[in-house]
Protein backbone atom coordinates (compact mmCIF):
# COMPACT_ATOMS: atom_id res chain seq x y z
CA THR A 1 0.00 0.00 0.00
CA CYS A 2 1.29 3.43 -0.90
CA PHE A 3 0.81 6.33 1.45
CA GLY A 4 0.47 9.92 0.42
CA LEU A 5 2.72 12.65 1.79
CA LYS A 6 0.27 13.46 4.57
CA GLU A 7 0.18 9.85 5.82
CA ASN A 8 4.00 9.55 5.62
CA LEU A 9 4.45 12.71 7.68
CA ALA A 10 1.95 11.45 10.24
CA LEU A 11 3.89 8.19 10.59
CA TRP A 12 7.32 9.81 10.91
CA LYS A 13 6.38 12.90 12.94
CA PRO A 14 6.70 11.24 16.41
CA PHE A 15 10.11 9.79 15.49
CA PHE A 16 11.47 13.09 14.18
CA TYR A 17 10.01 15.04 17.10
CA ARG A 18 11.65 12.70 19.64
CA PHE A 19 14.94 12.77 17.75
CA LEU A 20 14.99 16.57 17.47
CA THR A 21 13.95 17.20 21.06
CA THR A 22 16.53 14.71 22.38
CA MET A 23 19.29 16.17 20.22
CA GLY A 24 18.19 19.70 21.17
CA ARG A 25 18.36 18.93 24.90
CA ILE A 26 21.77 17.28 24.57
CA ALA A 27 23.10 20.07 22.33
CA GLY A 28 21.80 22.74 24.73
CA PHE A 29 23.33 20.95 27.70
CA ILE A 30 26.67 20.57 25.92
CA PHE A 31 26.62 24.21 24.82
CA LEU A 32 26.15 25.35 28.43
CA LEU A 33 28.90 23.04 29.67
CA ALA A 34 31.28 24.17 26.92
CA ALA A 35 30.47 27.85 27.43
CA PHE A 36 30.93 27.67 31.20
CA GLY A 37 33.39 24.78 31.29
CA GLU A 38 36.14 26.97 32.66
CA HIS A 39 34.02 27.51 35.76
CA LEU A 40 33.72 23.81 36.55
CA ALA A 41 35.44 23.08 39.84
CA ILE A 42 37.42 20.04 38.78
CA ALA A 43 40.97 19.55 39.98
CA GLN A 44 43.62 18.89 37.38
CA GLY A 45 43.83 15.17 36.60
CA GLU A 46 40.64 14.42 38.58
CA SER A 47 37.42 13.20 36.97
CA SER A 48 33.89 13.32 38.29
CA PHE A 49 30.30 13.06 37.20
CA THR A 50 28.76 16.50 36.77
CA GLU A 51 25.23 15.10 36.35
CA SER A 52 23.73 11.90 37.76
CA PRO A 53 20.44 10.12 37.00
CA CYS A 54 17.55 11.70 38.88
CA ASN A 55 14.98 9.96 41.05
CA LEU A 56 11.95 9.36 38.86
CA THR A 57 8.45 7.94 39.19
CA SER A 58 6.58 6.84 36.08
CA LEU A 59 3.40 5.07 35.07
CA LEU A 60 3.57 1.68 33.39
CA GLY A 61 3.80 1.95 29.61
CA LYS A 62 5.26 5.48 29.62
CA ASN A 63 8.68 6.42 28.20
CA VAL A 64 11.41 7.80 30.46
CA GLU A 65 14.89 9.20 29.95
CA LEU A 66 17.77 9.36 32.41
CA ARG A 67 20.93 11.37 31.84
CA CYS A 68 24.40 11.63 33.28
CA SER A 69 27.59 13.40 32.29
CA VAL A 70 31.22 13.08 33.26
CA HIS A 71 34.07 15.57 32.91
CA THR A 72 37.65 14.38 32.63
CA ASN A 73 41.10 15.49 31.61
CA GLY A 74 43.04 13.31 29.18
CA MET A 75 41.30 10.71 27.02
CA PRO A 76 37.56 11.01 26.16
CA PRO A 77 35.49 9.02 28.66
CA GLU A 78 32.98 6.29 27.81
CA ILE A 79 29.86 5.96 29.97
CA ASN A 80 28.12 2.69 30.78
CA TRP A 81 24.82 2.28 32.63
CA LEU A 82 24.15 0.13 35.69
CA HIS A 83 20.74 -1.17 36.77
CA ASP A 84 20.75 -2.39 40.38
CA GLY A 85 24.55 -2.61 40.22
CA GLU A 86 24.69 -4.71 37.02
CA ILE A 87 25.92 -3.34 33.68
CA LEU A 88 23.17 -2.93 31.10
CA GLU A 89 24.58 -4.89 28.18
CA VAL A 90 21.76 -3.83 25.85
CA ALA A 91 20.58 -0.25 26.31
CA ASP A 92 19.04 2.48 24.17
CA THR A 93 21.46 5.36 24.74
CA ASN A 94 22.44 8.57 23.05
CA ASP A 95 26.07 9.41 23.78
CA VAL A 96 27.90 12.62 22.96
CA ILE A 97 31.55 13.47 23.70
CA VAL A 98 32.68 17.09 23.48
CA PRO A 99 36.14 18.64 23.99
CA VAL A 100 36.34 21.34 26.67
CA ARG A 101 39.33 23.65 26.85
CA ASP A 102 42.63 22.19 25.67
CA GLU A 103 42.80 18.83 27.43
CA GLY A 104 39.34 18.21 28.92
CA TRP A 105 36.32 16.23 27.73
CA ILE A 106 32.68 16.05 28.68
CA SER A 107 30.74 12.89 27.90
CA VAL A 108 26.94 12.96 28.10
CA SER A 109 24.84 9.80 28.02
CA GLU A 110 21.06 9.63 27.91
CA LEU A 111 19.35 6.30 28.61
CA SER A 112 15.88 5.88 27.06
CA ILE A 113 13.45 3.35 28.45
CA THR A 114 10.40 2.85 26.27
CA SER A 115 7.18 1.46 27.69
CA VAL A 116 8.22 1.23 31.36
CA GLN A 117 7.54 -2.14 33.02
CA LEU A 118 7.92 -3.28 36.63
CA SER A 119 11.23 -4.94 35.70
CA HIS A 120 12.62 -1.45 34.97
CA SER A 121 12.22 -0.33 38.58
CA GLY A 122 15.33 -0.08 40.72
CA ALA A 123 18.51 1.96 40.98
CA TYR A 124 20.23 3.39 37.90
CA GLN A 125 23.80 4.64 37.91
CA CYS A 126 26.50 5.58 35.43
CA VAL A 127 30.03 4.23 35.48
CA SER A 128 33.11 5.33 33.59
CA ASN A 129 36.57 3.77 33.66
CA ILE A 130 39.08 6.61 33.49
CA LYS A 131 42.82 5.99 33.69
CA GLY A 132 42.15 2.58 35.27
CA LYS A 133 39.92 4.09 37.96
CA LYS A 134 36.19 3.33 38.16
CA ILE A 135 34.18 6.55 38.55
CA LEU A 136 30.53 6.17 39.64
CA SER A 137 27.67 8.65 39.47
CA LYS A 138 25.12 9.02 42.23
CA GLU A 139 22.22 6.56 42.03
CA GLY A 140 18.81 7.51 40.71
CA THR A 141 15.77 5.38 41.48
């Protein structure tokens, strides 16, 4: 079956809206961090999470997003997600890494959970392995 332009736009509109709003939030967050990065109170050589997952309550079947970010000096950091202390091997994430100043990096990761189920309840946390040291965010439940 062929769809006209109107039907195609109706089918793709939710996808594009979600994509653009997610990218807009991440881009806005990164812009603020880059613009004010020099004001971040991070000691030379030390890394820390600048944003941790928030505590969140949702209805079953709804979509939720959790975000964390880490700032480091040296190599760009990679962020992994933990659910109740276990690494999420399969996760729907949007990850962005941005240089800040000459030697620093900010990595932002946003975890999307579509159609929340009871099995999704619990503690969520980000972890990054930087220079052989495990850095953990605060937990969000």
